[in-house]
Structures are given as C-alpha cells and as structure tokens.
Amino acid sequence: MSKSFEIIKRVGISYDSPADAIKTAVMEAHTEQSVSWFEVIESRGRVTHEDKVEFQVTLNIGRKLNK
C-alpha cells in the first residue's frame, strides 16, 4: 500500500460564496479520482462587467497514490 500522495492545484469559481467555489473544485476533482484532502492556498475575487461578484479559490488537492 502506498503512503504517498500526489498534489494537484485547482481553482474553484462561484458567484455564490467562497465555500461554494471550494466545494465545486473538490467535487469535480473527486469525480476523476478519490480526493483524500484539500488545502485552501489563496482566496480572491473580482467584480464582473455585469456587476456580479465572482469568488475564486485556489486549492491544493491531495490524492493517495494507488500502488
């Protein structure tokens, strides 16, 4: 059994909340391969041309290597 992880970086985006941006990124990654853990490394946002607030959250996502 492997005791190593790979780390991938994702950016989640949401117009609702930073928490929704995190959940979206984690769950999309989880559909590809099981997610073991995640770490929020940056949070930012912007105002769009349509005057909406867009939340952007950068994550490190850990996946256990299958060996």
N, C-alpha and C. Protein backbone atom coordinates (compact mmCIF):
# COMPACT_ATOMS: atom_id res chain seq x y z
N MET A 1 0.83 -1.18 0.00
CA MET A 1 0.00 0.00 0.00
C MET A 1 0.88 1.25 0.00
N SER A 2 0.56 2.18 -0.88
CA SER A 2 1.32 3.41 -0.99
C SER A 2 1.04 4.35 0.17
N LYS A 3 2.06 5.02 0.61
CA LYS A 3 1.90 6.05 1.64
C LYS A 3 2.27 7.41 1.06
N SER A 4 2.10 7.54 -0.25
CA SER A 4 2.42 8.79 -0.94
C SER A 4 1.16 9.39 -1.54
N PHE A 5 1.20 10.68 -1.71
CA PHE A 5 0.10 11.42 -2.31
C PHE A 5 0.60 12.23 -3.49
N GLU A 6 -0.27 12.45 -4.47
CA GLU A 6 0.01 13.44 -5.49
C GLU A 6 -0.79 14.68 -5.11
N ILE A 7 -0.28 15.83 -5.48
CA ILE A 7 -0.98 17.08 -5.21
C ILE A 7 -1.30 17.74 -6.54
N ILE A 8 -2.57 18.08 -6.72
CA ILE A 8 -2.97 18.82 -7.90
C ILE A 8 -3.48 20.19 -7.44
N LYS A 9 -3.39 21.16 -8.31
CA LYS A 9 -3.85 22.51 -8.00
C LYS A 9 -5.08 22.79 -8.83
N ARG A 10 -6.12 23.32 -8.19
CA ARG A 10 -7.37 23.68 -8.87
C ARG A 10 -7.81 25.06 -8.41
N VAL A 11 -8.55 25.73 -9.28
CA VAL A 11 -9.18 26.99 -8.91
C VAL A 11 -10.69 26.80 -9.05
N GLY A 12 -11.39 26.97 -7.95
CA GLY A 12 -12.85 26.90 -7.96
C GLY A 12 -13.42 28.31 -8.10
N ILE A 13 -14.50 28.42 -8.83
CA ILE A 13 -15.13 29.71 -9.08
C ILE A 13 -16.61 29.60 -8.76
N SER A 14 -17.15 30.65 -8.11
CA SER A 14 -18.58 30.68 -7.79
C SER A 14 -19.05 32.12 -7.69
N TYR A 15 -20.31 32.34 -8.05
CA TYR A 15 -20.94 33.64 -7.84
C TYR A 15 -21.67 33.68 -6.49
N ASP A 16 -21.75 32.54 -5.80
CA ASP A 16 -22.49 32.46 -4.55
C ASP A 16 -21.63 32.75 -3.31
N SER A 17 -20.48 32.03 -3.19
CA SER A 17 -19.67 32.16 -1.98
C SER A 17 -18.31 31.49 -2.18
N PRO A 18 -17.33 31.86 -1.34
CA PRO A 18 -16.05 31.13 -1.37
C PRO A 18 -16.23 29.65 -1.04
N ALA A 19 -17.13 29.34 -0.11
CA ALA A 19 -17.37 27.94 0.26
C ALA A 19 -17.89 27.14 -0.93
N ASP A 20 -18.75 27.75 -1.73
CA ASP A 20 -19.28 27.06 -2.92
C ASP A 20 -18.17 26.86 -3.95
N ALA A 21 -17.27 27.82 -4.07
CA ALA A 21 -16.14 27.68 -5.00
C ALA A 21 -15.24 26.52 -4.58
N ILE A 22 -15.01 26.37 -3.28
CA ILE A 22 -14.21 25.26 -2.76
C ILE A 22 -14.90 23.93 -3.05
N LYS A 23 -16.17 23.85 -2.70
CA LYS A 23 -16.91 22.60 -2.89
C LYS A 23 -16.94 22.19 -4.35
N THR A 24 -17.15 23.14 -5.24
CA THR A 24 -17.18 22.84 -6.68
C THR A 24 -15.87 22.25 -7.15
N ALA A 25 -14.75 22.87 -6.79
CA ALA A 25 -13.44 22.37 -7.22
C ALA A 25 -13.14 20.99 -6.65
N VAL A 26 -13.44 20.79 -5.36
CA VAL A 26 -13.16 19.50 -4.71
C VAL A 26 -14.01 18.39 -5.32
N MET A 27 -15.28 18.65 -5.50
CA MET A 27 -16.17 17.60 -6.02
C MET A 27 -15.88 17.27 -7.48
N GLU A 28 -15.49 18.27 -8.28
CA GLU A 28 -15.10 17.98 -9.66
C GLU A 28 -13.85 17.09 -9.69
N ALA A 29 -12.87 17.40 -8.83
CA ALA A 29 -11.66 16.58 -8.76
C ALA A 29 -12.00 15.17 -8.27
N HIS A 30 -12.94 15.08 -7.34
CA HIS A 30 -13.32 13.79 -6.76
C HIS A 30 -13.99 12.87 -7.78
N THR A 31 -14.68 13.45 -8.77
CA THR A 31 -15.31 12.61 -9.81
C THR A 31 -14.26 11.96 -10.70
N GLU A 32 -13.08 12.57 -10.78
CA GLU A 32 -11.99 12.00 -11.59
C GLU A 32 -11.23 10.91 -10.83
N GLN A 33 -10.96 11.18 -9.56
CA GLN A 33 -10.23 10.23 -8.70
C GLN A 33 -10.48 10.65 -7.26
N SER A 34 -10.53 9.70 -6.36
CA SER A 34 -10.84 9.97 -4.97
C SER A 34 -9.92 11.03 -4.35
N VAL A 35 -10.52 12.01 -3.69
CA VAL A 35 -9.78 13.07 -3.00
C VAL A 35 -9.57 12.67 -1.55
N SER A 36 -8.33 12.77 -1.09
CA SER A 36 -8.02 12.43 0.30
C SER A 36 -8.09 13.66 1.21
N TRP A 37 -7.65 14.79 0.70
CA TRP A 37 -7.65 16.02 1.49
C TRP A 37 -7.52 17.22 0.56
N PHE A 38 -7.79 18.41 1.09
CA PHE A 38 -7.58 19.64 0.31
C PHE A 38 -7.14 20.77 1.24
N GLU A 39 -6.49 21.74 0.65
CA GLU A 39 -5.95 22.89 1.39
C GLU A 39 -6.24 24.15 0.57
N VAL A 40 -6.87 25.13 1.19
CA VAL A 40 -7.10 26.42 0.53
C VAL A 40 -5.81 27.22 0.63
N ILE A 41 -5.25 27.60 -0.53
CA ILE A 41 -3.99 28.34 -0.50
C ILE A 41 -4.14 29.80 -0.91
N GLU A 42 -5.26 30.14 -1.54
CA GLU A 42 -5.47 31.53 -1.92
C GLU A 42 -6.96 31.77 -2.15
N SER A 43 -7.42 32.92 -1.74
CA SER A 43 -8.80 33.31 -1.97
C SER A 43 -8.80 34.73 -2.53
N ARG A 44 -9.56 34.94 -3.59
CA ARG A 44 -9.63 36.25 -4.20
C ARG A 44 -10.97 36.38 -4.91
N GLY A 45 -11.20 37.50 -5.53
CA GLY A 45 -12.45 37.69 -6.26
C GLY A 45 -12.33 38.85 -7.22
N ARG A 46 -13.42 39.07 -7.93
CA ARG A 46 -13.46 40.19 -8.86
C ARG A 46 -14.92 40.59 -9.06
N VAL A 47 -15.09 41.78 -9.59
CA VAL A 47 -16.41 42.24 -9.99
C VAL A 47 -16.46 42.15 -11.51
N THR A 48 -17.46 41.45 -12.03
CA THR A 48 -17.57 41.23 -13.47
C THR A 48 -18.15 42.46 -14.16
N HIS A 49 -18.15 42.42 -15.47
CA HIS A 49 -18.73 43.51 -16.26
C HIS A 49 -20.23 43.63 -16.02
N GLU A 50 -20.85 42.54 -15.56
CA GLU A 50 -22.28 42.54 -15.26
C GLU A 50 -22.56 42.92 -13.80
N ASP A 51 -21.54 43.46 -13.11
CA ASP A 51 -21.64 43.87 -11.70
C ASP A 51 -21.97 42.72 -10.75
N LYS A 52 -21.48 41.53 -11.06
CA LYS A 52 -21.59 40.38 -10.16
C LYS A 52 -20.26 40.19 -9.46
N VAL A 53 -20.30 39.69 -8.24
CA VAL A 53 -19.08 39.34 -7.51
C VAL A 53 -18.77 37.89 -7.82
N GLU A 54 -17.54 37.63 -8.26
CA GLU A 54 -17.08 36.27 -8.56
C GLU A 54 -16.01 35.90 -7.54
N PHE A 55 -16.24 34.80 -6.82
CA PHE A 55 -15.27 34.30 -5.84
C PHE A 55 -14.37 33.28 -6.52
N GLN A 56 -13.06 33.38 -6.30
CA GLN A 56 -12.08 32.46 -6.87
C GLN A 56 -11.21 31.93 -5.73
N VAL A 57 -11.13 30.62 -5.62
CA VAL A 57 -10.36 30.00 -4.54
C VAL A 57 -9.39 28.98 -5.13
N THR A 58 -8.11 29.13 -4.83
CA THR A 58 -7.08 28.19 -5.29
C THR A 58 -6.85 27.14 -4.21
N LEU A 59 -6.83 25.87 -4.64
CA LEU A 59 -6.69 24.75 -3.72
C LEU A 59 -5.56 23.82 -4.12
N ASN A 60 -4.90 23.24 -3.15
CA ASN A 60 -4.08 22.04 -3.35
C ASN A 60 -4.97 20.87 -2.96
N ILE A 61 -5.06 19.89 -3.84
CA ILE A 61 -5.88 18.72 -3.58
C ILE A 61 -4.98 17.48 -3.54
N GLY A 62 -5.04 16.73 -2.46
CA GLY A 62 -4.22 15.55 -2.29
C GLY A 62 -4.97 14.29 -2.67
N ARG A 63 -4.30 13.45 -3.45
CA ARG A 63 -4.86 12.16 -3.85
C ARG A 63 -3.86 11.07 -3.49
N LYS A 64 -4.33 10.04 -2.83
CA LYS A 64 -3.45 8.94 -2.45
C LYS A 64 -3.07 8.15 -3.70
N LEU A 65 -1.79 7.86 -3.84
CA LEU A 65 -1.32 7.07 -4.97
C LEU A 65 -1.66 5.60 -4.75
N ASN A 66 -2.15 4.96 -5.76
CA ASN A 66 -2.54 3.54 -5.66
C ASN A 66 -1.39 2.66 -6.13
N LYS A 67 -0.62 2.19 -5.21
CA LYS A 67 0.50 1.29 -5.54
C LYS A 67 0.54 0.16 -4.57
